[in-house]
Amino acid sequence: MGSRIVARNSVGHRVEASNGTSSVVLDMSKQDGGEAKGLSPHETLLAALGGCTAMTLRVYAARKGWPLEGVELVLTHEKPPPGAPPEAKETIGVDATLLGPLDAVQKAKLMEIAQKCPVYKTLLADLAIVETLVG
């Protein structure tokens, strides 16, 4: 199943991205020349990963009948520092808090399941981006 988003530049650096039903506003930070009127592109990427992970965990816990009451994820994105070796990679950190009376085995399984969310898998896939000028 594929996804389709239309991203349109509106004012300055601001962009509205829509699937036809819902939309989100993206903007650059003030230090990068934007007005900070929305999430930055990297923040949006982190939000997509966090949202997908939280949904995946809730669905899995519900199927198992586990008492997961909520998920809180703090996501960070870091680039290698200047002068880092060429093999240094950008990193995304995910600090997870699983709310509810879960035991250690359930928490460990949920952390394993977090890596099965579709956005997580896409980020680690051998991904091709195909650009076509249509107008």
N, C-alpha and C. Protein backbone atom coordinates (compact mmCIF):
# COMPACT_ATOMS: atom_id res chain seq x y z
N MET A 1 0.85 -1.18 0.00
CA MET A 1 0.00 0.00 0.00
C MET A 1 0.89 1.23 0.00
N GLY A 2 0.65 2.13 -0.89
CA GLY A 2 1.45 3.33 -1.00
C GLY A 2 0.79 4.52 -0.32
N SER A 3 1.54 5.57 -0.20
CA SER A 3 1.05 6.82 0.38
C SER A 3 1.26 7.93 -0.62
N ARG A 4 0.46 8.98 -0.51
CA ARG A 4 0.61 10.14 -1.39
C ARG A 4 0.42 11.41 -0.57
N ILE A 5 1.38 12.29 -0.67
CA ILE A 5 1.34 13.60 -0.01
C ILE A 5 1.60 14.66 -1.07
N VAL A 6 0.86 15.75 -1.01
CA VAL A 6 1.14 16.92 -1.85
C VAL A 6 1.71 17.99 -0.92
N ALA A 7 2.92 18.44 -1.22
CA ALA A 7 3.58 19.48 -0.43
C ALA A 7 3.63 20.76 -1.26
N ARG A 8 3.06 21.84 -0.73
CA ARG A 8 3.01 23.12 -1.44
C ARG A 8 3.65 24.21 -0.58
N ASN A 9 4.54 24.95 -1.21
CA ASN A 9 5.13 26.12 -0.57
C ASN A 9 4.06 27.20 -0.53
N SER A 10 3.91 27.84 0.63
CA SER A 10 2.90 28.89 0.73
C SER A 10 3.55 30.25 0.91
N VAL A 11 4.05 30.55 2.09
CA VAL A 11 4.64 31.85 2.39
C VAL A 11 6.07 31.63 2.87
N GLY A 12 7.00 32.37 2.29
CA GLY A 12 8.39 32.23 2.71
C GLY A 12 8.87 30.80 2.54
N HIS A 13 9.35 30.20 3.62
CA HIS A 13 9.81 28.82 3.57
C HIS A 13 8.74 27.84 4.00
N ARG A 14 7.60 28.35 4.43
CA ARG A 14 6.53 27.50 4.96
C ARG A 14 5.95 26.60 3.87
N VAL A 15 5.66 25.36 4.26
CA VAL A 15 5.10 24.36 3.35
C VAL A 15 3.90 23.71 4.04
N GLU A 16 2.84 23.50 3.28
CA GLU A 16 1.72 22.71 3.77
C GLU A 16 1.76 21.37 3.06
N ALA A 17 1.76 20.30 3.83
CA ALA A 17 1.75 18.95 3.28
C ALA A 17 0.40 18.33 3.60
N SER A 18 -0.25 17.76 2.57
CA SER A 18 -1.60 17.24 2.75
C SER A 18 -1.77 15.91 2.04
N ASN A 19 -2.57 15.05 2.66
CA ASN A 19 -2.95 13.79 2.01
C ASN A 19 -4.34 13.91 1.39
N GLY A 20 -4.90 15.10 1.37
CA GLY A 20 -6.23 15.34 0.84
C GLY A 20 -7.29 15.40 1.92
N THR A 21 -6.97 14.88 3.09
CA THR A 21 -7.91 14.88 4.21
C THR A 21 -7.35 15.68 5.38
N SER A 22 -6.10 15.45 5.69
CA SER A 22 -5.42 16.13 6.80
C SER A 22 -4.20 16.85 6.27
N SER A 23 -3.75 17.85 7.03
CA SER A 23 -2.56 18.56 6.59
C SER A 23 -1.69 18.92 7.79
N VAL A 24 -0.44 19.21 7.50
CA VAL A 24 0.53 19.63 8.50
C VAL A 24 1.35 20.75 7.90
N VAL A 25 1.77 21.70 8.74
CA VAL A 25 2.58 22.82 8.28
C VAL A 25 4.03 22.57 8.68
N LEU A 26 4.92 22.76 7.73
CA LEU A 26 6.36 22.66 7.97
C LEU A 26 6.96 24.03 7.73
N ASP A 27 8.01 24.35 8.48
CA ASP A 27 8.70 25.62 8.30
C ASP A 27 10.13 25.44 8.79
N MET A 28 10.98 26.32 8.37
CA MET A 28 12.36 26.31 8.83
C MET A 28 12.43 27.13 10.13
N SER A 29 13.45 26.86 10.91
CA SER A 29 13.65 27.62 12.15
C SER A 29 13.99 29.07 11.79
N LYS A 30 13.86 29.96 12.76
CA LYS A 30 14.21 31.36 12.52
C LYS A 30 15.69 31.50 12.20
N GLN A 31 16.54 30.71 12.85
CA GLN A 31 17.98 30.80 12.58
C GLN A 31 18.33 30.34 11.16
N ASP A 32 17.44 29.54 10.55
CA ASP A 32 17.67 29.08 9.17
C ASP A 32 16.90 29.90 8.15
N GLY A 33 16.26 31.00 8.59
CA GLY A 33 15.58 31.89 7.66
C GLY A 33 14.08 31.74 7.60
N GLY A 34 13.51 30.82 8.36
CA GLY A 34 12.06 30.63 8.37
C GLY A 34 11.42 31.44 9.47
N GLU A 35 10.14 31.18 9.69
CA GLU A 35 9.40 31.86 10.74
C GLU A 35 9.09 30.93 11.91
N ALA A 36 9.52 29.68 11.83
CA ALA A 36 9.26 28.67 12.87
C ALA A 36 7.76 28.53 13.14
N LYS A 37 6.96 28.53 12.07
CA LYS A 37 5.50 28.42 12.20
C LYS A 37 5.03 26.97 12.05
N GLY A 38 5.96 26.03 12.04
CA GLY A 38 5.62 24.62 11.94
C GLY A 38 6.85 23.79 12.26
N LEU A 39 6.69 22.50 12.21
CA LEU A 39 7.83 21.61 12.43
C LEU A 39 8.81 21.74 11.29
N SER A 40 10.10 21.60 11.60
CA SER A 40 11.11 21.57 10.54
C SER A 40 11.02 20.22 9.83
N PRO A 41 11.62 20.08 8.66
CA PRO A 41 11.59 18.78 7.97
C PRO A 41 12.12 17.63 8.83
N HIS A 42 13.23 17.82 9.52
CA HIS A 42 13.75 16.73 10.37
C HIS A 42 12.83 16.46 11.55
N GLU A 43 12.23 17.51 12.11
CA GLU A 43 11.27 17.30 13.20
C GLU A 43 10.07 16.51 12.71
N THR A 44 9.64 16.78 11.47
CA THR A 44 8.52 16.06 10.89
C THR A 44 8.87 14.59 10.70
N LEU A 45 10.09 14.32 10.28
CA LEU A 45 10.56 12.94 10.15
C LEU A 45 10.53 12.24 11.50
N LEU A 46 11.02 12.91 12.55
CA LEU A 46 11.00 12.34 13.89
C LEU A 46 9.56 12.11 14.36
N ALA A 47 8.67 13.05 14.05
CA ALA A 47 7.26 12.90 14.43
C ALA A 47 6.64 11.71 13.73
N ALA A 48 6.98 11.50 12.46
CA ALA A 48 6.44 10.34 11.73
C ALA A 48 6.92 9.04 12.36
N LEU A 49 8.20 8.98 12.70
CA LEU A 49 8.74 7.78 13.35
C LEU A 49 8.11 7.58 14.73
N GLY A 50 8.01 8.64 15.50
CA GLY A 50 7.42 8.53 16.83
C GLY A 50 5.96 8.14 16.79
N GLY A 51 5.21 8.76 15.90
CA GLY A 51 3.79 8.43 15.78
C GLY A 51 3.57 6.99 15.35
N CYS A 52 4.32 6.56 14.36
CA CYS A 52 4.22 5.19 13.86
C CYS A 52 4.59 4.19 14.94
N THR A 53 5.66 4.47 15.67
CA THR A 53 6.11 3.57 16.73
C THR A 53 5.05 3.46 17.83
N ALA A 54 4.52 4.60 18.27
CA ALA A 54 3.51 4.59 19.33
C ALA A 54 2.27 3.81 18.89
N MET A 55 1.83 4.03 17.65
CA MET A 55 0.65 3.32 17.15
C MET A 55 0.91 1.81 17.07
N THR A 56 2.08 1.45 16.57
CA THR A 56 2.44 0.03 16.46
C THR A 56 2.42 -0.63 17.84
N LEU A 57 2.97 0.04 18.84
CA LEU A 57 3.00 -0.53 20.19
C LEU A 57 1.60 -0.65 20.78
N ARG A 58 0.76 0.34 20.57
CA ARG A 58 -0.61 0.28 21.10
C ARG A 58 -1.39 -0.86 20.46
N VAL A 59 -1.26 -1.01 19.15
CA VAL A 59 -1.98 -2.08 18.45
C VAL A 59 -1.51 -3.45 18.94
N TYR A 60 -0.20 -3.63 19.05
CA TYR A 60 0.35 -4.91 19.50
C TYR A 60 -0.11 -5.23 20.92
N ALA A 61 0.00 -4.26 21.81
CA ALA A 61 -0.39 -4.49 23.21
C ALA A 61 -1.88 -4.82 23.30
N ALA A 62 -2.70 -4.13 22.53
CA ALA A 62 -4.15 -4.40 22.54
C ALA A 62 -4.43 -5.83 22.07
N ARG A 63 -3.75 -6.26 21.01
CA ARG A 63 -3.94 -7.64 20.52
C ARG A 63 -3.57 -8.67 21.57
N LYS A 64 -2.54 -8.38 22.36
CA LYS A 64 -2.08 -9.30 23.39
C LYS A 64 -2.87 -9.17 24.70
N GLY A 65 -3.68 -8.12 24.80
CA GLY A 65 -4.40 -7.87 26.04
C GLY A 65 -3.51 -7.36 27.15
N TRP A 66 -2.42 -6.71 26.78
CA TRP A 66 -1.47 -6.19 27.76
C TRP A 66 -1.92 -4.82 28.25
N PRO A 67 -1.60 -4.47 29.51
CA PRO A 67 -2.07 -3.21 30.09
C PRO A 67 -1.20 -1.99 29.75
N LEU A 68 -0.96 -1.78 28.46
CA LEU A 68 -0.21 -0.59 28.03
C LEU A 68 -1.18 0.58 28.04
N GLU A 69 -0.93 1.55 28.91
CA GLU A 69 -1.83 2.69 29.06
C GLU A 69 -1.41 3.88 28.20
N GLY A 70 -0.19 3.89 27.75
CA GLY A 70 0.28 4.99 26.92
C GLY A 70 1.75 4.80 26.58
N VAL A 71 2.18 5.58 25.60
CA VAL A 71 3.56 5.54 25.14
C VAL A 71 4.06 6.98 25.05
N GLU A 72 5.23 7.23 25.60
CA GLU A 72 5.87 8.54 25.43
C GLU A 72 7.24 8.29 24.83
N LEU A 73 7.49 8.94 23.70
CA LEU A 73 8.76 8.79 23.00
C LEU A 73 9.41 10.15 22.86
N VAL A 74 10.68 10.24 23.20
CA VAL A 74 11.46 11.45 22.97
C VAL A 74 12.47 11.09 21.89
N LEU A 75 12.34 11.74 20.74
CA LEU A 75 13.19 11.44 19.59
C LEU A 75 14.15 12.57 19.33
N THR A 76 15.38 12.23 19.00
CA THR A 76 16.40 13.22 18.67
C THR A 76 17.10 12.82 17.38
N HIS A 77 17.59 13.80 16.68
CA HIS A 77 18.36 13.57 15.44
C HIS A 77 19.68 14.29 15.58
N GLU A 78 20.75 13.57 15.35
CA GLU A 78 22.10 14.15 15.45
C GLU A 78 22.89 13.83 14.20
N LYS A 79 23.59 14.83 13.70
CA LYS A 79 24.53 14.62 12.58
C LYS A 79 25.92 14.42 13.16
N PRO A 80 26.79 13.73 12.45
CA PRO A 80 28.17 13.60 12.94
C PRO A 80 28.81 14.98 13.08
N PRO A 81 29.68 15.15 14.06
CA PRO A 81 30.32 16.45 14.24
C PRO A 81 31.27 16.75 13.08
N PRO A 82 31.57 18.02 12.86
CA PRO A 82 32.55 18.37 11.82
C PRO A 82 33.86 17.63 12.08
N GLY A 83 34.46 17.11 11.02
CA GLY A 83 35.72 16.40 11.15
C GLY A 83 35.56 14.93 11.50
N ALA A 84 34.31 14.46 11.63
CA ALA A 84 34.08 13.05 11.93
C ALA A 84 34.53 12.21 10.74
N PRO A 85 34.91 10.96 10.97
CA PRO A 85 35.32 10.10 9.86
C PRO A 85 34.17 9.89 8.88
N PRO A 86 34.48 9.61 7.61
CA PRO A 86 33.45 9.46 6.59
C PRO A 86 32.42 8.37 6.90
N GLU A 87 32.81 7.35 7.66
CA GLU A 87 31.87 6.28 7.96
C GLU A 87 30.91 6.63 9.12
N ALA A 88 31.12 7.79 9.74
CA ALA A 88 30.23 8.22 10.82
C ALA A 88 28.83 8.45 10.25
N LYS A 89 27.82 8.03 10.99
CA LYS A 89 26.44 8.11 10.51
C LYS A 89 25.63 9.10 11.33
N GLU A 90 24.60 9.64 10.70
CA GLU A 90 23.60 10.39 11.43
C GLU A 90 22.87 9.39 12.33
N THR A 91 22.40 9.87 13.47
CA THR A 91 21.70 8.98 14.37
C THR A 91 20.35 9.57 14.79
N ILE A 92 19.42 8.67 15.00
CA ILE A 92 18.13 9.01 15.60
C ILE A 92 18.07 8.27 16.92
N GLY A 93 17.88 9.02 17.98
CA GLY A 93 17.72 8.42 19.31
C GLY A 93 16.25 8.38 19.67
N VAL A 94 15.84 7.30 20.30
CA VAL A 94 14.45 7.16 20.74
C VAL A 94 14.48 6.70 22.20
N ASP A 95 14.06 7.59 23.10
CA ASP A 95 13.92 7.24 24.51
C ASP A 95 12.44 6.95 24.75
N ALA A 96 12.14 5.71 25.14
CA ALA A 96 10.75 5.26 25.27
C ALA A 96 10.35 5.11 26.73
N THR A 97 9.16 5.59 27.03
CA THR A 97 8.51 5.35 28.31
C THR A 97 7.21 4.62 28.01
N LEU A 98 7.08 3.42 28.55
CA LEU A 98 5.87 2.62 28.37
C LEU A 98 5.06 2.71 29.66
N LEU A 99 3.87 3.27 29.57
CA LEU A 99 3.04 3.54 30.74
C LEU A 99 2.07 2.39 30.99
N GLY A 100 1.91 2.06 32.23
CA GLY A 100 0.99 1.00 32.63
C GLY A 100 1.72 -0.09 33.38
N PRO A 101 0.97 -0.98 34.03
CA PRO A 101 1.56 -2.05 34.84
C PRO A 101 2.08 -3.22 34.01
N LEU A 102 3.08 -2.96 33.20
CA LEU A 102 3.69 -3.99 32.36
C LEU A 102 4.83 -4.65 33.11
N ASP A 103 5.04 -5.94 32.86
CA ASP A 103 6.19 -6.60 33.47
C ASP A 103 7.41 -6.45 32.56
N ALA A 104 8.56 -6.89 33.03
CA ALA A 104 9.81 -6.72 32.29
C ALA A 104 9.78 -7.46 30.95
N VAL A 105 9.16 -8.62 30.90
CA VAL A 105 9.09 -9.40 29.65
C VAL A 105 8.23 -8.65 28.62
N GLN A 106 7.10 -8.10 29.06
CA GLN A 106 6.24 -7.34 28.15
C GLN A 106 6.95 -6.10 27.63
N LYS A 107 7.65 -5.39 28.51
CA LYS A 107 8.38 -4.19 28.08
C LYS A 107 9.46 -4.55 27.07
N ALA A 108 10.19 -5.62 27.31
CA ALA A 108 11.25 -6.04 26.38
C ALA A 108 10.66 -6.40 25.02
N LYS A 109 9.53 -7.09 25.02
CA LYS A 109 8.88 -7.48 23.75
C LYS A 109 8.38 -6.24 23.02
N LEU A 110 7.82 -5.29 23.74
CA LEU A 110 7.35 -4.07 23.10
C LEU A 110 8.51 -3.28 22.48
N MET A 111 9.66 -3.26 23.14
CA MET A 111 10.82 -2.57 22.57
C MET A 111 11.29 -3.28 21.29
N GLU A 112 11.15 -4.59 21.24
CA GLU A 112 11.46 -5.35 20.02
C GLU A 112 10.45 -5.02 18.92
N ILE A 113 9.19 -4.95 19.29
CA ILE A 113 8.12 -4.65 18.32
C ILE A 113 8.25 -3.23 17.78
N ALA A 114 8.78 -2.30 18.57
CA ALA A 114 8.95 -0.92 18.11
C ALA A 114 9.75 -0.86 16.81
N GLN A 115 10.68 -1.80 16.65
CA GLN A 115 11.51 -1.82 15.45
C GLN A 115 10.77 -2.39 14.23
N LYS A 116 9.54 -2.80 14.42
CA LYS A 116 8.75 -3.35 13.32
C LYS A 116 7.77 -2.33 12.75
N CYS A 117 7.78 -1.12 13.28
CA CYS A 117 6.87 -0.11 12.74
C CYS A 117 7.29 0.20 11.29
N PRO A 118 6.31 0.43 10.41
CA PRO A 118 6.62 0.64 8.99
C PRO A 118 7.58 1.79 8.71
N VAL A 119 7.49 2.89 9.44
CA VAL A 119 8.40 4.01 9.19
C VAL A 119 9.83 3.63 9.59
N TYR A 120 9.98 2.94 10.70
CA TYR A 120 11.30 2.46 11.14
C TYR A 120 11.91 1.59 10.03
N LYS A 121 11.11 0.67 9.51
CA LYS A 121 11.61 -0.23 8.46
C LYS A 121 11.97 0.53 7.19
N THR A 122 11.18 1.55 6.85
CA THR A 122 11.48 2.37 5.67
C THR A 122 12.80 3.12 5.84
N LEU A 123 13.02 3.67 7.04
CA LEU A 123 14.25 4.44 7.28
C LEU A 123 15.50 3.56 7.15
N LEU A 124 15.37 2.29 7.46
CA LEU A 124 16.51 1.38 7.38
C LEU A 124 16.60 0.62 6.05
N ALA A 125 15.61 0.81 5.19
CA ALA A 125 15.56 0.08 3.92
C ALA A 125 16.56 0.65 2.91
N ASP A 126 16.85 -0.14 1.93
CA ASP A 126 17.63 0.32 0.78
C ASP A 126 16.66 1.09 -0.11
N LEU A 127 16.51 2.36 0.18
CA LEU A 127 15.45 3.20 -0.37
C LEU A 127 15.93 3.97 -1.59
N ALA A 128 15.09 4.04 -2.60
CA ALA A 128 15.36 4.86 -3.78
C ALA A 128 14.37 6.02 -3.79
N ILE A 129 14.84 7.21 -4.07
CA ILE A 129 13.98 8.38 -4.24
C ILE A 129 14.05 8.75 -5.72
N VAL A 130 12.90 8.74 -6.38
CA VAL A 130 12.84 9.01 -7.82
C VAL A 130 12.15 10.35 -8.02
N GLU A 131 12.86 11.31 -8.57
CA GLU A 131 12.32 12.65 -8.80
C GLU A 131 12.02 12.83 -10.28
N THR A 132 10.85 13.41 -10.58
CA THR A 132 10.44 13.65 -11.96
C THR A 132 9.91 15.07 -12.06
N LEU A 133 10.41 15.86 -12.99
CA LEU A 133 9.89 17.20 -13.23
C LEU A 133 8.63 17.06 -14.09
N VAL A 134 7.48 17.50 -13.56
CA VAL A 134 6.21 17.32 -14.29
C VAL A 134 5.62 18.64 -14.77
N GLY A 135 6.23 19.74 -14.44
CA GLY A 135 5.65 21.00 -14.88
C GLY A 135 6.64 22.12 -14.90
